[in-house]
Amino acid sequence: RMSAKPGHVAKPVAQSTWRAQQSAKPGVSRRSLLLLLILHVRAAASLAIGGALGRELAKARPVVVHVWDAKPAELQRYAIDDVSMACREAGATAVLVGPELVEAVAKEQELARGNFPGPLPVIADCALKDLVESPELCAGAAKLGASAIGIRYYEEEEWGDAGGLEEALKQAVAAAEASSLAAILLGEFGAAAGPEGVVGGSDL
């Protein structure tokens, strides 16, 4: 398990998954499924991240909810808003979403500012290879309302050796920090052929 900086590795101690089908509401395809993965993350030592997100993740048993859909472009806005609100009202610490959902979820969370519970930080789930090839993705995520970048990578990818992986992680973390974003490493996240975020999740 490689870390670009001490304390940048997220390591859940438990996880559970479920799918919420939105077909009961008109205008939502029956194929549109939202997969929510709850990551119970170790506090403090494994998540030494600065800012508000760091303070939240340092609490006892913080929970990051992964919201995923195979076809995000087909989701209706109210369905995204409903799930975003549910995460907040359920007491989650943060929400992890793909780049396509960052802006919608961040806007819905911002509506809760000044209320209790308040808005949750949004973490943009990005592949390490994409961040190395296009570090400007971090600046784009920040503009859309993300508070952090979740850096997803797999050791079986062609990094050459452990040193190559370490260097790639350093580049990605530096790009996130240059955009004032926190960085969370998601090693082996959603590996193999299982549903996104399920296989390999216990080894984060």
Protein backbone atom coordinates (compact mmCIF):
# COMPACT_ATOMS: atom_id res chain seq x y z
CA ARG A 1 0.00 0.00 0.00
CA MET A 2 1.76 3.12 -1.24
CA SER A 3 1.28 6.63 0.07
CA ALA A 4 2.53 9.86 -1.44
CA LYS A 5 2.48 11.42 2.00
CA PRO A 6 2.15 9.88 5.45
CA GLY A 7 -1.49 9.68 6.42
CA HIS A 8 -3.02 9.90 2.94
CA VAL A 9 -4.42 6.37 2.83
CA ALA A 10 -8.12 5.73 3.42
CA LYS A 11 -8.78 2.37 5.05
CA PRO A 12 -12.38 1.31 5.79
CA VAL A 13 -12.94 -1.21 8.56
CA ALA A 14 -16.35 -2.30 7.28
CA GLN A 15 -18.58 -1.81 4.30
CA SER A 16 -22.05 -2.59 3.02
CA THR A 17 -23.81 -2.04 -0.29
CA TRP A 18 -27.29 -1.70 -1.58
CA ARG A 19 -29.01 -0.58 -4.75
CA ALA A 20 -31.86 1.89 -4.83
CA GLN A 21 -33.94 1.68 -8.00
CA GLN A 22 -35.74 4.88 -8.90
CA SER A 23 -38.33 3.29 -11.21
CA ALA A 24 -41.21 4.14 -8.88
CA LYS A 25 -41.02 7.77 -10.03
CA PRO A 26 -42.09 8.81 -13.54
CA GLY A 27 -39.32 9.80 -15.89
CA VAL A 28 -36.66 7.57 -14.35
CA SER A 29 -35.46 4.57 -16.35
CA ARG A 30 -35.80 1.19 -14.68
CA ARG A 31 -32.20 0.61 -15.68
CA SER A 32 -31.05 3.59 -13.63
CA LEU A 33 -29.61 2.18 -10.45
CA LEU A 34 -27.82 4.06 -7.74
CA LEU A 35 -25.25 1.94 -5.98
CA LEU A 36 -24.37 3.30 -2.57
CA LEU A 37 -21.28 1.96 -0.87
CA ILE A 38 -20.79 2.90 2.75
CA LEU A 39 -17.16 3.07 3.77
CA HIS A 40 -16.54 3.11 7.50
CA VAL A 41 -13.16 4.79 7.50
CA ARG A 42 -10.47 4.67 10.15
CA ALA A 43 -10.06 8.09 11.75
CA ALA A 44 -7.04 10.33 12.32
CA ALA A 45 -4.00 8.15 11.56
CA SER A 46 -5.17 6.90 8.17
CA LEU A 47 -6.81 10.13 7.05
CA ALA A 48 -4.60 13.04 8.03
CA ILE A 49 -6.27 15.48 5.65
CA GLY A 50 -6.42 19.18 6.26
CA GLY A 51 -9.42 21.51 6.26
CA ALA A 52 -13.04 20.87 7.14
CA LEU A 53 -13.05 17.44 5.51
CA GLY A 54 -10.04 16.41 7.56
CA ARG A 55 -11.75 17.46 10.77
CA GLU A 56 -14.87 15.49 9.88
CA LEU A 57 -12.93 12.37 8.93
CA ALA A 58 -10.98 12.55 12.18
CA LYS A 59 -14.15 11.86 14.14
CA ALA A 60 -14.93 8.41 15.48
CA ARG A 61 -16.13 6.06 12.68
CA PRO A 62 -16.69 8.56 9.88
CA VAL A 63 -18.81 7.26 7.00
CA VAL A 64 -18.18 8.10 3.34
CA VAL A 65 -21.04 7.15 1.01
CA HIS A 66 -20.16 6.19 -2.56
CA VAL A 67 -22.97 7.11 -4.96
CA TRP A 68 -22.59 5.42 -8.34
CA ASP A 69 -24.70 4.81 -11.43
CA ALA A 70 -23.77 3.01 -14.64
CA LYS A 71 -25.40 5.73 -16.75
CA PRO A 72 -25.18 9.01 -14.81
CA ALA A 73 -26.26 11.07 -17.82
CA GLU A 74 -29.68 9.37 -17.73
CA LEU A 75 -30.40 10.26 -14.10
CA GLN A 76 -33.10 12.82 -13.42
CA ARG A 77 -31.97 15.77 -11.30
CA TYR A 78 -34.57 15.12 -8.60
CA ALA A 79 -33.29 11.55 -8.21
CA ILE A 80 -29.76 12.86 -7.62
CA ASP A 81 -31.10 15.46 -5.18
CA ASP A 82 -33.05 12.82 -3.27
CA VAL A 83 -29.99 10.61 -2.80
CA SER A 84 -27.76 13.56 -1.91
CA MET A 85 -30.25 14.71 0.71
CA ALA A 86 -30.62 11.18 2.08
CA CYS A 87 -26.86 10.93 2.58
CA ARG A 88 -26.86 14.14 4.59
CA GLU A 89 -29.91 13.28 6.69
CA ALA A 90 -28.52 9.80 7.42
CA GLY A 91 -25.49 11.33 9.10
CA ALA A 92 -22.83 10.60 6.47
CA THR A 93 -19.48 12.37 6.71
CA ALA A 94 -18.90 12.89 2.99
CA VAL A 95 -20.14 11.75 -0.43
CA LEU A 96 -17.91 10.10 -3.05
CA VAL A 97 -19.19 10.49 -6.62
CA GLY A 98 -17.93 10.22 -10.19
CA PRO A 99 -16.98 13.38 -12.10
CA GLU A 100 -20.38 13.47 -13.84
CA LEU A 101 -22.24 13.86 -10.53
CA VAL A 102 -19.93 16.27 -8.69
CA GLU A 103 -21.68 19.49 -9.68
CA ALA A 104 -25.25 18.25 -9.10
CA VAL A 105 -24.47 16.76 -5.69
CA ALA A 106 -22.38 19.76 -4.60
CA LYS A 107 -25.20 22.16 -5.54
CA GLU A 108 -27.77 20.13 -3.61
CA GLN A 109 -25.50 19.97 -0.56
CA GLU A 110 -24.94 23.72 -0.69
CA LEU A 111 -28.67 24.24 -0.24
CA ALA A 112 -28.25 22.96 3.32
CA ARG A 113 -25.76 25.63 4.34
CA GLY A 114 -26.88 27.31 7.53
CA ASN A 115 -29.09 24.36 8.44
CA PHE A 116 -28.62 21.21 10.48
CA PRO A 117 -27.34 18.90 9.22
CA GLY A 118 -25.19 21.10 7.06
CA PRO A 119 -23.74 20.37 3.62
CA LEU A 120 -21.48 17.34 3.17
CA PRO A 121 -18.09 17.57 1.46
CA VAL A 122 -18.12 16.05 -2.03
CA ILE A 123 -15.21 13.81 -3.09
CA ALA A 124 -14.62 13.39 -6.83
CA ASP A 125 -13.75 9.79 -7.73
CA CYS A 126 -10.98 9.88 -10.36
CA ALA A 127 -8.65 7.25 -11.83
CA LEU A 128 -4.97 7.74 -11.08
CA LYS A 129 -4.05 7.30 -14.76
CA ASP A 130 -6.45 10.09 -15.73
CA LEU A 131 -5.02 12.42 -13.09
CA VAL A 132 -1.45 11.74 -14.23
CA GLU A 133 -2.33 12.35 -17.87
CA SER A 134 -4.61 15.33 -17.16
CA PRO A 135 -3.76 16.98 -13.82
CA GLU A 136 -6.10 19.84 -14.75
CA LEU A 137 -8.97 17.52 -13.81
CA CYS A 138 -8.37 18.56 -10.20
CA ALA A 139 -8.95 22.23 -10.97
CA GLY A 140 -12.10 21.28 -12.86
CA ALA A 141 -13.40 19.25 -9.92
CA ALA A 142 -12.75 22.16 -7.57
CA LYS A 143 -14.72 24.53 -9.82
CA LEU A 144 -17.64 22.09 -9.79
CA GLY A 145 -17.72 22.11 -5.99
CA ALA A 146 -15.58 19.15 -4.93
CA SER A 147 -13.73 19.30 -1.61
CA ALA A 148 -11.39 16.39 -2.33
CA ILE A 149 -10.16 13.98 -4.97
CA GLY A 150 -10.52 10.23 -4.45
CA ILE A 151 -7.55 8.74 -6.32
CA ARG A 152 -8.51 5.28 -7.59
CA TYR A 153 -5.71 2.96 -8.68
CA TYR A 154 -4.88 -0.72 -9.11
CA GLU A 155 -1.52 -2.35 -8.49
CA GLU A 156 -1.92 -4.66 -11.50
CA GLU A 157 -1.83 -1.66 -13.83
CA GLU A 158 1.37 -1.11 -15.80
CA TRP A 159 3.26 1.18 -13.46
CA GLY A 160 6.58 -0.51 -14.15
CA ASP A 161 7.44 -1.03 -10.50
CA ALA A 162 6.54 0.18 -7.01
CA GLY A 163 8.58 3.32 -7.63
CA GLY A 164 6.49 4.13 -10.69
CA LEU A 165 3.26 3.82 -8.72
CA GLU A 166 4.67 5.94 -5.90
CA GLU A 167 5.69 8.67 -8.33
CA ALA A 168 2.27 8.65 -10.01
CA LEU A 169 0.54 8.98 -6.63
CA LYS A 170 2.79 11.88 -5.70
CA GLN A 171 1.90 13.66 -8.94
CA ALA A 172 -1.83 13.16 -8.40
CA VAL A 173 -1.73 14.32 -4.78
CA ALA A 174 0.31 17.37 -5.77
CA ALA A 175 -2.24 18.24 -8.47
CA ALA A 176 -5.06 17.97 -5.93
CA GLU A 177 -3.26 20.13 -3.39
CA ALA A 178 -2.46 22.73 -6.07
CA SER A 179 -6.23 23.12 -6.49
CA SER A 180 -6.75 23.31 -2.70
CA LEU A 181 -8.33 19.86 -2.65
CA ALA A 182 -7.73 17.09 -0.14
CA ALA A 183 -6.59 13.71 -1.51
CA ILE A 184 -7.78 10.26 -0.49
CA LEU A 185 -6.16 7.13 -1.94
CA LEU A 186 -8.58 4.44 -3.13
CA GLY A 187 -6.30 1.49 -3.82
CA GLU A 188 -7.94 -1.48 -5.59
CA PHE A 189 -11.31 0.33 -5.40
CA GLY A 190 -13.97 -1.56 -7.38
CA ALA A 191 -11.41 -4.04 -8.69
CA ALA A 192 -12.20 -7.06 -10.87
CA ALA A 193 -15.62 -7.72 -12.39
CA GLY A 194 -17.89 -7.02 -9.43
CA PRO A 195 -20.17 -4.00 -8.99
CA GLU A 196 -18.33 -0.70 -8.61
CA GLY A 197 -16.70 -0.38 -5.21
CA VAL A 198 -17.55 -3.86 -3.96
CA VAL A 199 -14.61 -6.10 -4.85
CA GLY A 200 -11.47 -5.02 -3.07
CA GLY A 201 -13.30 -2.52 -0.88
CA SER A 202 -12.37 -4.31 2.33
CA ASP A 203 -8.70 -3.91 1.46
CA LEU A 204 -8.77 -0.12 1.00
